[in-house]
């Protein structure tokens, strides 16, 4: 009996401590500058947003700079890309804080569409948004936009008309929350990062209540350290970038009402790391904010 119990405990520990294998598709150091967001452009290019420099850097998976994507029209035409998400036909949607518009950029780097996000107030007045915290494509193909100043995640159609809104300040009990990132799935599932808590909050499908992401099987620790960033794939699997051990990645898979977690097997350079991560067109993108080292990963499930 003791031997059987020992075997069961050993199996449980092995399962808990197992790591998620990450295949490195790309690893390189891009041009200097602060990366605000990233997405896969076309089939095998990586778009990195540089707001301060006023451009998007288009890289091949071999780390070769293919082009700088800018708004044409003269030096006086400013471009400040701050957030992006994947669009139809391998394009990307990009929010430009200088023009207060969302642009669709095709896989060849050309601007193909421009829309205003018309925010409607209760009194019927309409104002084009000048700043967003994040942007993502979710249920019904709508553009779901995180508005930290208003404490909402607001949905717009492809013409820029406001269609839906989730009031985070009313649904969540944390008045001092700092909402920084969002991810939205086609089934209506919604995720949001609260920097103040260092936690991801989520609701699945048509649920109305948000839950704090709690792990059913912590990967060798009592709880996941504070979250820096996160990304979610189309199946609801979550990658967490945490502060643990100078910066660690976890891969979380839905298990009923909970999530099972595994550390991502990725050897990062030594030191403290500020990490960021995104999911785009079947791959996870991870970059180190200080050293600017960029990874494109495929994670085994």
Protein backbone atom coordinates (compact mmCIF):
# COMPACT_ATOMS: atom_id res chain seq x y z
CA UNK A 1 0.00 0.00 0.00
CA UNK A 2 2.79 2.44 0.90
CA UNK A 3 4.52 1.64 -2.36
CA UNK A 4 1.30 2.36 -4.28
CA UNK A 5 0.83 5.68 -2.51
CA UNK A 6 4.45 6.58 -3.22
CA UNK A 7 3.95 5.80 -6.93
CA UNK A 8 0.80 7.93 -7.11
CA UNK A 9 2.56 10.87 -5.45
CA UNK A 10 5.50 10.51 -7.82
CA UNK A 11 3.20 10.54 -10.83
CA UNK A 12 1.40 13.61 -9.51
CA UNK A 13 4.66 15.46 -8.93
CA UNK A 14 5.90 14.57 -12.41
CA UNK A 15 2.69 15.81 -13.97
CA UNK A 16 2.75 19.00 -11.91
CA UNK A 17 6.37 19.81 -12.68
CA UNK A 18 6.25 18.93 -16.37
CA UNK A 19 7.21 21.72 -18.72
CA UNK A 20 5.52 22.88 -21.89
CA UNK A 21 7.82 22.41 -24.86
CA UNK A 22 8.27 25.54 -26.96
CA UNK A 23 9.62 25.27 -30.49
CA UNK A 24 11.53 28.42 -31.39
CA UNK A 25 10.41 29.57 -34.83
CA UNK A 26 12.40 32.80 -34.67
CA UNK A 27 14.86 34.43 -32.28
CA UNK A 28 16.59 37.72 -33.01
CA UNK A 29 17.36 41.21 -31.74
CA UNK A 30 15.51 43.85 -33.80
CA UNK A 31 16.38 47.51 -34.21
CA UNK A 32 16.62 49.65 -31.08
CA UNK A 33 13.49 51.23 -29.68
CA UNK A 34 10.55 50.50 -27.41
CA UNK A 35 8.22 47.87 -28.90
CA UNK A 36 4.58 48.63 -28.09
CA UNK A 37 2.91 45.66 -29.77
CA UNK A 38 3.52 42.85 -32.23
CA UNK A 39 1.64 40.59 -34.65
CA UNK A 40 2.26 38.09 -37.42
CA UNK A 41 1.87 39.86 -40.77
CA UNK A 42 1.18 37.72 -43.82
CA UNK A 43 2.34 34.12 -43.52
CA UNK A 44 5.79 34.46 -42.04
CA UNK A 45 6.60 38.08 -41.25
CA UNK A 46 6.64 39.77 -37.85
CA UNK A 47 5.32 43.31 -37.44
CA UNK A 48 6.81 45.24 -34.50
CA UNK A 49 5.22 48.56 -33.52
CA UNK A 50 7.53 51.47 -32.60
CA UNK A 51 5.34 54.46 -31.59
CA UNK A 52 8.20 56.83 -30.68
CA UNK A 53 9.91 56.21 -34.02
CA UNK A 54 6.63 56.51 -35.94
CA UNK A 55 6.90 53.23 -37.81
CA UNK A 56 6.25 49.51 -37.95
CA UNK A 57 9.25 47.26 -38.54
CA UNK A 58 8.51 44.30 -40.82
CA UNK A 59 10.87 41.38 -40.11
CA UNK A 60 11.30 37.97 -41.66
CA UNK A 61 11.47 34.97 -39.34
CA UNK A 62 15.22 34.90 -40.00
CA UNK A 63 15.48 38.30 -38.31
CA UNK A 64 16.03 40.30 -41.50
CA UNK A 65 14.42 43.74 -41.67
CA UNK A 66 12.28 43.70 -44.80
CA UNK A 67 10.81 47.21 -44.67
CA UNK A 68 9.66 50.08 -42.49
CA UNK A 69 5.92 50.63 -42.72
CA UNK A 70 5.04 54.32 -42.40
CA UNK A 71 2.21 56.57 -43.47
CA UNK A 72 3.07 58.18 -46.77
CA UNK A 73 2.27 61.83 -47.39
CA UNK A 74 5.19 63.89 -46.22
CA UNK A 75 7.20 64.50 -43.08
CA UNK A 76 4.32 66.40 -41.47
CA UNK A 77 2.14 63.28 -41.52
CA UNK A 78 2.71 61.73 -38.12
CA UNK A 79 2.25 58.04 -37.38
CA UNK A 80 2.15 56.64 -33.85
CA UNK A 81 1.15 52.95 -33.91
CA UNK A 82 0.38 51.86 -30.34
CA UNK A 83 -1.73 48.67 -30.60
CA UNK A 84 -2.49 46.01 -33.19
CA UNK A 85 -4.30 42.74 -33.79
CA UNK A 86 -4.67 40.31 -36.68
CA UNK A 87 -7.16 41.08 -39.42
CA UNK A 88 -8.64 39.26 -42.43
CA UNK A 89 -6.45 37.77 -45.17
CA UNK A 90 -3.29 37.86 -43.01
CA UNK A 91 -3.55 41.62 -42.57
CA UNK A 92 -3.35 43.50 -39.27
CA UNK A 93 -5.43 46.23 -37.66
CA UNK A 94 -3.31 49.03 -36.16
CA UNK A 95 -4.42 51.89 -33.94
CA UNK A 96 -2.64 55.15 -34.75
CA UNK A 97 -2.64 57.51 -31.79
CA UNK A 98 -1.50 60.43 -33.95
CA UNK A 99 -4.36 60.17 -36.46
CA UNK A 100 -6.89 58.79 -33.92
CA UNK A 101 -7.77 56.09 -36.42
CA UNK A 102 -7.53 52.34 -37.01
CA UNK A 103 -5.72 51.32 -40.18
CA UNK A 104 -5.82 47.96 -41.91
CA UNK A 105 -2.39 47.03 -43.24
CA UNK A 106 -2.10 44.28 -45.85
CA UNK A 107 0.56 41.58 -45.84
CA UNK A 108 2.64 43.63 -48.32
CA UNK A 109 2.72 46.60 -45.94
CA UNK A 110 0.21 48.76 -47.81
CA UNK A 111 -2.53 50.67 -45.99
CA UNK A 112 -5.85 49.40 -47.34
CA UNK A 113 -8.48 50.81 -45.00
CA UNK A 114 -8.99 53.54 -42.42
CA UNK A 115 -11.77 53.86 -39.83
CA UNK A 116 -12.67 56.11 -36.91
CA UNK A 117 -13.80 54.43 -33.71
CA UNK A 118 -16.91 56.46 -32.89
CA UNK A 119 -17.53 56.29 -29.14
CA UNK A 120 -21.14 57.08 -28.23
CA UNK A 121 -21.96 58.72 -24.91
CA UNK A 122 -25.22 58.34 -23.01
CA UNK A 123 -26.40 61.78 -24.16
CA UNK A 124 -26.05 60.73 -27.81
CA UNK A 125 -22.86 62.65 -28.53
CA UNK A 126 -20.13 60.88 -30.50
CA UNK A 127 -16.37 61.30 -30.25
CA UNK A 128 -13.57 59.59 -32.18
CA UNK A 129 -11.27 57.79 -29.76
CA UNK A 130 -7.83 59.35 -29.39
CA UNK A 131 -6.24 56.61 -27.25
CA UNK A 132 -6.73 52.91 -26.59
CA UNK A 133 -5.11 50.47 -24.19
CA UNK A 134 -5.41 47.43 -26.43
CA UNK A 135 -7.32 46.13 -29.43
CA UNK A 136 -8.42 42.62 -30.37
CA UNK A 137 -10.85 40.82 -32.68
CA UNK A 138 -13.50 38.87 -30.79
CA UNK A 139 -17.09 37.68 -31.01
CA UNK A 140 -18.91 38.39 -34.31
CA UNK A 141 -15.67 39.68 -35.81
CA UNK A 142 -15.98 42.94 -33.88
CA UNK A 143 -12.99 45.02 -32.81
CA UNK A 144 -12.93 44.88 -29.00
CA UNK A 145 -11.04 47.87 -27.63
CA UNK A 146 -9.79 48.29 -24.07
CA UNK A 147 -10.35 51.84 -22.81
CA UNK A 148 -8.49 52.12 -19.48
CA UNK A 149 -9.60 55.71 -18.83
CA UNK A 150 -13.26 54.68 -19.05
CA UNK A 151 -12.85 51.25 -17.45
CA UNK A 152 -14.55 49.51 -20.38
CA UNK A 153 -13.96 47.04 -23.17
CA UNK A 154 -15.93 48.43 -26.09
CA UNK A 155 -16.83 46.71 -29.37
CA UNK A 156 -16.86 48.41 -32.78
CA UNK A 157 -17.82 47.07 -36.18
CA UNK A 158 -15.66 47.37 -39.30
CA UNK A 159 -17.23 50.75 -40.06
CA UNK A 160 -16.23 52.14 -36.67
CA UNK A 161 -19.73 52.15 -35.15
CA UNK A 162 -20.04 51.23 -31.48
CA UNK A 163 -21.91 47.92 -30.99
CA UNK A 164 -21.37 46.70 -27.44
CA UNK A 165 -19.66 47.58 -24.19
CA UNK A 166 -18.52 45.79 -21.04
CA UNK A 167 -18.23 47.99 -17.95
CA UNK A 168 -15.30 46.58 -16.01
CA UNK A 169 -15.67 49.15 -13.24
CA UNK A 170 -19.21 47.92 -12.56
CA UNK A 171 -18.50 44.19 -12.90
CA UNK A 172 -15.25 44.05 -10.93
CA UNK A 173 -14.86 45.09 -7.27
CA UNK A 174 -11.45 46.76 -7.51
CA UNK A 175 -11.73 50.57 -7.79
CA UNK A 176 -7.95 50.99 -8.02
CA UNK A 177 -7.55 48.51 -10.90
CA UNK A 178 -5.22 49.36 -13.79
CA UNK A 179 -6.47 47.52 -16.87
CA UNK A 180 -3.71 47.11 -19.42
CA UNK A 181 -4.39 44.23 -21.82
CA UNK A 182 -7.35 42.32 -23.22
CA UNK A 183 -7.96 39.18 -25.25
CA UNK A 184 -11.30 38.17 -26.74
CA UNK A 185 -12.43 34.91 -28.37
CA UNK A 186 -15.10 34.15 -30.95
CA UNK A 187 -17.26 32.35 -28.37
CA UNK A 188 -17.49 35.55 -26.32
CA UNK A 189 -14.82 34.65 -23.76
CA UNK A 190 -13.00 37.70 -22.45
CA UNK A 191 -9.71 38.17 -20.60
CA UNK A 192 -8.22 41.31 -19.08
CA UNK A 193 -4.98 42.06 -17.21
CA UNK A 194 -5.10 44.15 -14.05
CA UNK A 195 -1.58 45.49 -13.52
CA UNK A 196 -2.39 46.61 -9.98
CA UNK A 197 -3.19 43.04 -8.90
CA UNK A 198 -0.72 41.43 -11.27
CA UNK A 199 -3.54 39.08 -12.25
CA UNK A 200 -5.59 37.99 -15.25
CA UNK A 201 -9.38 38.14 -14.93
CA UNK A 202 -11.62 36.20 -17.28
CA UNK A 203 -15.14 35.16 -18.13
CA UNK A 204 -16.01 32.33 -20.50
CA UNK A 205 -18.56 32.30 -23.30
CA UNK A 206 -21.76 34.06 -22.30
CA UNK A 207 -20.95 34.33 -18.58
CA UNK A 208 -21.53 37.72 -17.00
CA UNK A 209 -19.18 37.42 -14.01
CA UNK A 210 -15.40 37.66 -14.15
CA UNK A 211 -13.13 35.28 -12.25
CA UNK A 212 -9.52 35.61 -11.19
CA UNK A 213 -7.32 33.11 -12.97
CA UNK A 214 -6.57 30.41 -10.38
CA UNK A 215 -4.55 27.32 -11.17
CA UNK A 216 -5.73 23.82 -10.33
CA UNK A 217 -2.17 22.48 -10.70
CA UNK A 218 0.50 25.07 -9.90
CA UNK A 219 3.67 24.15 -11.77
CA UNK A 220 5.89 23.39 -8.80
CA UNK A 221 4.93 26.51 -6.83
CA UNK A 222 2.09 27.45 -4.50
CA UNK A 223 0.77 30.06 -6.90
CA UNK A 224 1.81 31.78 -10.08
CA UNK A 225 3.86 34.94 -9.41
CA UNK A 226 2.55 38.36 -10.41
CA UNK A 227 1.64 38.59 -14.09
CA UNK A 228 3.42 41.04 -16.39
CA UNK A 229 1.54 40.17 -19.56
CA UNK A 230 -0.52 37.42 -21.16
CA UNK A 231 -1.75 36.06 -24.47
CA UNK A 232 -4.61 33.69 -25.38
CA UNK A 233 -4.93 31.40 -28.40
CA UNK A 234 -8.16 30.51 -30.21
CA UNK A 235 -8.67 27.44 -27.99
CA UNK A 236 -8.56 29.42 -24.76
CA UNK A 237 -5.03 28.36 -23.79
CA UNK A 238 -3.25 31.14 -21.94
CA UNK A 239 0.42 32.11 -21.89
CA UNK A 240 1.43 34.10 -18.82
CA UNK A 241 4.56 36.22 -18.59
CA UNK A 242 5.33 36.45 -14.86
CA UNK A 243 7.86 38.06 -12.54
CA UNK A 244 8.93 34.72 -11.05
CA UNK A 245 12.69 34.01 -10.99
CA UNK A 246 13.49 37.12 -12.96
CA UNK A 247 10.83 36.44 -15.58
CA UNK A 248 9.09 33.16 -16.40
CA UNK A 249 6.51 31.94 -18.88
CA UNK A 250 3.63 29.59 -18.06
CA UNK A 251 1.26 27.78 -20.42
CA UNK A 252 -2.25 27.26 -19.02
CA UNK A 253 -4.84 24.88 -20.46
CA UNK A 254 -8.55 24.93 -19.49
CA UNK A 255 -9.51 22.03 -17.23
CA UNK A 256 -13.20 22.30 -16.39
CA UNK A 257 -13.62 25.44 -14.32
CA UNK A 258 -9.88 25.72 -13.64
CA UNK A 259 -6.61 25.77 -15.54
CA UNK A 260 -3.72 23.33 -15.49
CA UNK A 261 -0.34 25.01 -15.81
CA UNK A 262 3.12 24.15 -17.05
CA UNK A 263 6.23 26.24 -17.20
CA UNK A 264 7.30 26.99 -20.75
CA UNK A 265 10.66 25.39 -21.46
CA UNK A 266 12.47 28.46 -22.79
CA UNK A 267 15.95 29.42 -21.64
CA UNK A 268 16.15 33.19 -21.32
CA UNK A 269 19.36 35.20 -20.80
CA UNK A 270 20.31 35.58 -17.13
CA UNK A 271 19.01 38.57 -15.22
CA UNK A 272 15.74 40.29 -14.43
CA UNK A 273 13.43 40.41 -17.41
CA UNK A 274 10.45 42.55 -18.26
CA UNK A 275 8.50 40.28 -20.58
CA UNK A 276 5.70 40.88 -23.05
CA UNK A 277 3.75 38.30 -25.04
CA UNK A 278 1.13 38.14 -27.79
CA UNK A 279 -0.68 35.48 -29.80
CA UNK A 280 -1.09 35.94 -33.53
CA UNK A 281 -1.95 33.60 -36.41
CA UNK A 282 -1.07 30.36 -34.64
CA UNK A 283 2.08 31.48 -32.84
CA UNK A 284 3.09 33.16 -29.61
CA UNK A 285 5.34 36.20 -29.73
CA UNK A 286 7.52 36.97 -26.70
CA UNK A 287 9.96 39.83 -26.31
CA UNK A 288 12.23 41.12 -23.56
CA UNK A 289 11.48 44.79 -23.06
CA UNK A 290 14.99 45.66 -21.87
CA UNK A 291 17.25 43.69 -24.21
CA UNK A 292 14.66 43.75 -27.05
CA UNK A 293 15.29 40.06 -27.78
CA UNK A 294 12.29 38.68 -29.69
CA UNK A 295 11.02 35.09 -29.87
CA UNK A 296 8.32 33.53 -32.03
CA UNK A 297 7.15 30.26 -30.47
CA UNK A 298 4.94 27.27 -31.12
CA UNK A 299 3.94 25.57 -27.84
CA UNK A 300 3.17 21.84 -27.71
CA UNK A 301 -0.08 20.91 -25.94
